[in-house]
Amino acid sequence: MKSSKVLFAIAAMGLSMSLALPVTQASAQSRQPQTTASDVAPSVRNKPVPEKFKRRMVRFATNEAPGTIIVDTNNKFLYLVEGKNRATRYGIGVGREGFGWSGEVKIGRKAEWPTWTPPAEMRAREARRGINLPVVMKGGPENPLGARAMYLYKGGRDTIFRIHGTNQPWSIGLNLSSGCIRLMNKDVEHLYARAAVGAKVVVIGPGSKPGDVAFRDRGVDIFRTIFGG
């Protein structure tokens, strides 16, 4: 029973954010409650992913170039700019209170079925909750990074934030992670195949709109959603 509790807690976590790079945190971690999946009611965990968070082609106006990823953490959407007036929209799960952030980063590297190395700070924090996290966890179905991970870099340095998958689809649309951006495994695989190393990622967090990025989601592109292209 204890081991299953640990696996469940692991599967619902994102990576810790002890970040000294120039992205903006919404508020101090230490002052916020540390909500994890163990605190989420079973009725929530058993719910299907809401229809609005399923992958869609949308009519999309932006000043960003094709290949750019725009993450709207307020509305729980990630957009991959595909071309003029179009983007693929994915539903996401984002950081819980105290772990929200914003800024401009890049995909520094990518990995399939990535290994998870929880930071010492996270392991210490969860130990206080009675959950002993592994120092290293190999990729696989129980790994919290899911099927794919895109590692976000700033100035050539790893920010410790990731865009990654999850085997907990009910967490899509929720503020539950430690700052990482999570997608359903089938969606992260779809994004992974299209997002290039070096791609620009703009994260718009609570109360923040960094730089000159502008975008407008004009709704589902029904023709492209049905027929592709």
Foldseek 3Di string as FASTA:
>chain_A
DLVVVLLQQQQFEAAAFPFPDPWFWPAAQVVDDQDTPVPDDVVLLPDAFDPVQAKFKFFKAKPDAQLAWEAEQVQQWIWHRHHHRITIIHFKFFAAPNQWIWDKWFQADKDFLAKDAHDPVVQVVVVVVVHHDDRIGGGDQSHNQAGMWGFTHDPNHTRREIEGEGPRNSNGPYNHYNGHIYGHNVVVVVVVVRHDGGHMYTYATPPGDDDDIDMDTPGGPVVCRVVND
